[in-house]
Protein backbone atom coordinates (compact mmCIF):
# COMPACT_ATOMS: atom_id res chain seq x y z
CA UNK A 1 0.00 0.00 0.00
CA UNK A 2 1.03 3.61 -0.41
CA UNK A 3 2.02 4.09 3.22
CA UNK A 4 4.12 0.92 3.14
CA UNK A 5 5.95 2.51 0.20
CA UNK A 6 6.39 5.65 2.31
CA UNK A 7 7.93 3.69 5.18
CA UNK A 8 10.31 1.68 2.99
CA UNK A 9 11.50 4.57 0.84
CA UNK A 10 11.21 7.85 2.72
CA UNK A 11 12.49 6.22 5.90
CA UNK A 12 14.99 3.91 4.22
CA UNK A 13 17.86 3.01 6.52
CA UNK A 14 16.27 4.59 9.60
CA UNK A 15 15.67 2.16 12.45
CA UNK A 16 12.34 2.14 14.29
CA UNK A 17 12.86 2.89 17.98
CA UNK A 18 9.42 3.53 19.49
CA UNK A 19 5.85 2.28 19.08
CA UNK A 20 3.11 4.74 20.03
CA UNK A 21 -0.22 3.23 21.09
CA UNK A 22 -3.65 4.75 21.30
CA UNK A 23 -5.46 3.53 24.41
CA UNK A 24 -9.23 3.04 23.99
CA UNK A 25 -10.01 0.47 21.33
CA UNK A 26 -6.34 -0.55 21.14
CA UNK A 27 -5.14 -1.45 24.62
CA UNK A 28 -8.62 -1.67 26.14
CA UNK A 29 -11.88 -3.03 24.76
CA UNK A 30 -13.58 0.08 26.09
CA UNK A 31 -15.11 1.83 23.09
CA UNK A 32 -18.60 0.30 23.38
CA UNK A 33 -18.75 1.68 26.93
CA UNK A 34 -17.50 5.11 25.86
CA UNK A 35 -20.04 5.21 23.04
CA UNK A 36 -22.94 4.26 25.32
CA UNK A 37 -21.85 6.76 27.98
CA UNK A 38 -21.56 9.56 25.43
CA UNK A 39 -24.90 8.75 23.81
CA UNK A 40 -26.81 8.57 27.08
CA UNK A 41 -25.21 11.78 28.35
CA UNK A 42 -25.90 13.77 25.18
CA UNK A 43 -29.48 12.43 25.05
CA UNK A 44 -29.99 13.70 28.60
CA UNK A 45 -28.70 17.10 27.46
CA UNK A 46 -31.06 17.10 24.44
CA UNK A 47 -28.15 17.16 21.99
CA UNK A 48 -28.84 14.85 19.03
CA UNK A 49 -26.20 12.22 18.28
CA UNK A 50 -25.77 8.67 17.02
CA UNK A 51 -23.52 5.87 18.21
CA UNK A 52 -21.65 6.10 14.91
CA UNK A 53 -20.83 9.74 15.71
CA UNK A 54 -18.72 8.65 18.66
CA UNK A 55 -16.78 6.04 16.71
CA UNK A 56 -16.03 8.73 14.12
CA UNK A 57 -15.16 11.30 16.81
CA UNK A 58 -13.01 8.92 18.84
CA UNK A 59 -9.65 10.44 19.70
CA UNK A 60 -10.90 13.96 20.27
CA UNK A 61 -10.68 15.39 23.74
CA UNK A 62 -13.95 15.45 25.68
CA UNK A 63 -14.28 19.21 25.29
CA UNK A 64 -13.82 19.21 21.52
CA UNK A 65 -16.27 16.31 21.16
CA UNK A 66 -18.90 18.34 23.02
CA UNK A 67 -18.11 21.45 20.97
CA UNK A 68 -18.46 19.51 17.72
CA UNK A 69 -21.94 18.28 18.66
CA UNK A 70 -22.99 21.70 19.97
CA UNK A 71 -21.79 23.37 16.77
CA UNK A 72 -23.67 20.86 14.65
CA UNK A 73 -26.94 21.24 16.54
CA UNK A 74 -26.88 24.74 18.04
CA UNK A 75 -24.36 26.52 15.82
CA UNK A 76 -22.03 27.45 18.70
CA UNK A 77 -19.58 25.90 21.14
CA UNK A 78 -20.58 24.84 24.62
CA UNK A 79 -19.57 27.10 27.47
CA UNK A 80 -16.69 26.03 29.67
CA UNK A 81 -19.19 25.31 32.45
CA UNK A 82 -21.34 23.17 30.14
CA UNK A 83 -18.33 21.22 28.92
CA UNK A 84 -17.11 20.57 32.45
CA UNK A 85 -20.54 19.40 33.64
CA UNK A 86 -21.26 17.26 30.57
CA UNK A 87 -17.87 15.58 30.59
CA UNK A 88 -18.15 14.90 34.32
CA UNK A 89 -21.47 13.12 33.73
CA UNK A 90 -20.10 11.19 30.77
CA UNK A 91 -17.02 10.08 32.73
CA UNK A 92 -19.16 8.96 35.67
CA UNK A 93 -21.44 6.93 33.41
CA UNK A 94 -18.44 5.39 31.63
CA UNK A 95 -16.95 4.34 34.96
CA UNK A 96 -20.25 2.62 35.83
CA UNK A 97 -20.25 0.71 32.54
CA UNK A 98 -16.58 -0.04 32.00
CA UNK A 99 -15.27 -3.43 33.11
CA UNK A 100 -11.63 -2.56 32.41
CA UNK A 101 -11.20 -5.41 29.94
CA UNK A 102 -7.83 -5.41 28.21
CA UNK A 103 -8.16 -5.76 24.45
CA UNK A 104 -7.55 -9.37 23.39
CA UNK A 105 -4.10 -9.55 21.84
CA UNK A 106 -2.91 -6.22 23.26
CA UNK A 107 -0.33 -7.76 25.58
CA UNK A 108 0.79 -10.06 22.78
CA UNK A 109 1.57 -7.01 20.64
CA UNK A 110 3.35 -5.29 23.52
CA UNK A 111 5.39 -8.42 24.16
CA UNK A 112 6.41 -8.48 20.49
CA UNK A 113 7.41 -4.82 20.76
CA UNK A 114 9.53 -5.57 23.82
CA UNK A 115 11.15 -8.60 22.21
CA UNK A 116 11.99 -6.45 19.17
CA UNK A 117 14.02 -4.14 21.41
CA UNK A 118 11.61 -1.24 20.95
CA UNK A 119 10.15 1.14 23.52
CA UNK A 120 6.47 2.02 23.86
CA UNK A 121 4.22 4.77 25.16
CA UNK A 122 0.60 5.90 24.89
CA UNK A 123 -0.97 8.83 23.05
CA UNK A 124 -4.63 9.21 24.02
CA UNK A 125 -7.41 11.76 23.99
CA UNK A 126 -8.56 10.52 27.39
CA UNK A 127 -8.85 12.97 30.24
CA UNK A 128 -9.84 10.50 32.99
CA UNK A 129 -7.12 10.22 35.65
CA UNK A 130 -8.37 6.88 37.02
CA UNK A 131 -8.27 5.29 33.58
CA UNK A 132 -4.80 6.63 32.84
CA UNK A 133 -3.56 5.33 36.20
CA UNK A 134 -5.09 1.92 35.48
CA UNK A 135 -3.33 1.85 32.10
CA UNK A 136 0.00 2.52 33.77
CA UNK A 137 -0.58 -0.34 36.23
CA UNK A 138 -1.88 -2.83 33.68
CA UNK A 139 0.97 -2.28 31.22
CA UNK A 140 3.79 -1.24 33.52
CA UNK A 141 6.22 -3.83 32.16
CA UNK A 142 5.77 -2.57 28.61
CA UNK A 143 5.00 1.16 28.59
CA UNK A 144 6.95 4.20 29.77
CA UNK A 145 4.38 6.28 31.70
CA UNK A 146 6.64 9.33 31.73
CA UNK A 147 6.11 9.62 27.97
CA UNK A 148 2.28 9.39 28.04
CA UNK A 149 0.47 12.12 26.11
CA UNK A 150 -3.17 12.63 27.18
CA UNK A 151 -5.87 15.27 27.04
CA UNK A 152 -4.15 17.01 29.96
CA UNK A 153 -1.05 17.69 27.86
CA UNK A 154 -2.40 19.08 24.60
CA UNK A 155 -4.01 22.25 23.37
CA UNK A 156 -5.20 20.62 20.16
CA UNK A 157 -6.44 17.04 20.28
CA UNK A 158 -6.59 14.52 17.48
CA UNK A 159 -6.90 14.88 14.44
CA UNK A 160 -4.40 17.73 14.96
CA UNK A 161 -0.84 16.36 14.86
CA UNK A 162 0.06 17.95 18.22
CA UNK A 163 -0.44 14.78 20.35
CA UNK A 164 1.90 12.69 18.22
CA UNK A 165 4.37 15.52 17.74
CA UNK A 166 4.52 15.83 21.53
CA UNK A 167 5.24 12.10 21.79
CA UNK A 168 8.07 12.39 19.26
CA UNK A 169 9.50 15.30 21.23
CA UNK A 170 9.24 13.34 24.50
CA UNK A 171 11.27 10.51 22.98
CA UNK A 172 13.56 12.87 21.05
CA UNK A 173 13.02 10.92 17.82
CA UNK A 174 12.04 11.68 14.23
CA UNK A 175 8.75 10.54 12.65
CA UNK A 176 10.65 7.82 10.78
CA UNK A 177 11.78 6.30 14.08
CA UNK A 178 8.22 5.55 15.25
CA UNK A 179 5.19 3.45 14.37
CA UNK A 180 1.67 4.30 15.57
CA UNK A 181 -1.04 1.75 16.43
CA UNK A 182 -4.51 3.31 16.15
CA UNK A 183 -8.11 2.21 15.74
CA UNK A 184 -9.87 5.49 14.95
CA UNK A 185 -9.86 7.68 11.84
CA UNK A 186 -9.08 10.89 13.72
CA UNK A 187 -6.16 9.25 15.48
CA UNK A 188 -4.84 7.97 12.17
CA UNK A 189 -5.17 11.45 10.67
CA UNK A 190 -3.26 12.88 13.64
CA UNK A 191 -0.40 10.44 13.28
CA UNK A 192 -0.29 10.85 9.51
CA UNK A 193 -0.13 14.63 9.88
CA UNK A 194 2.83 14.12 12.23
CA UNK A 195 4.53 12.09 9.49
CA UNK A 196 4.41 8.72 11.27
CA UNK A 197 3.63 5.36 9.63
CA UNK A 198 0.36 4.19 11.14
CA UNK A 199 -1.09 0.72 11.55
CA UNK A 200 -4.86 0.45 12.04
CA UNK A 201 -6.58 -2.24 14.05
CA UNK A 202 -10.27 -2.25 13.25
CA UNK A 203 -11.69 -3.19 16.64
CA UNK A 204 -14.76 -0.95 16.28
CA UNK A 205 -17.76 -0.70 13.99
CA UNK A 206 -16.41 1.42 11.16
CA UNK A 207 -15.64 0.12 7.68
CA UNK A 208 -12.01 -0.63 6.82
CA UNK A 209 -12.25 1.89 4.00
CA UNK A 210 -12.70 4.74 6.49
CA UNK A 211 -9.49 3.85 8.31
CA UNK A 212 -7.57 3.42 5.06
CA UNK A 213 -8.89 6.74 3.73
CA UNK A 214 -7.68 8.41 6.95
CA UNK A 215 -4.15 7.31 6.06
CA UNK A 216 -3.53 3.90 7.61
CA UNK A 217 -0.59 2.10 6.00
CA UNK A 218 -1.81 -1.32 7.04
CA UNK A 219 -4.98 -2.60 8.64
CA UNK A 220 -5.63 -5.63 10.82
CA UNK A 221 -8.94 -7.01 12.13
CA UNK A 222 -7.63 -7.40 15.70
CA UNK A 223 -4.67 -6.84 17.97
CA UNK A 224 -3.95 -10.57 17.92
CA UNK A 225 -3.76 -10.50 14.13
CA UNK A 226 -1.25 -7.66 14.42
CA UNK A 227 0.79 -9.63 16.96
CA UNK A 228 0.84 -12.66 14.67
CA UNK A 229 2.13 -10.54 11.76
CA UNK A 230 4.45 -8.27 13.78
CA UNK A 231 7.63 -9.46 12.13
CA UNK A 232 6.52 -8.19 8.72
CA UNK A 233 6.42 -4.59 9.96
CA UNK A 234 10.11 -4.32 10.85
Foldseek 3Di string as FASTA:
>chain_A
DVLVVCLCPVLPPPAAAEEEEAPDLQFFVQLVLLLVLLCVLVVVVVQDDDSVLCLQVAFAAQQVSQQVSCCVPVVGGDDPVVSVVSVVSSVVSSVVVDPRHTFVLNVLQLVVCVVVNHAYEYQGADDDVVNLVVVCVVQVVRHDSVLYHYVVHDPGIFPALVSVVSSCVVVVHAQSNYEYEEAYLRVLNNSVVSVHAYEHAPSDDDDPVSNVVSPHPYYHPGSNRCSVCVVVVD
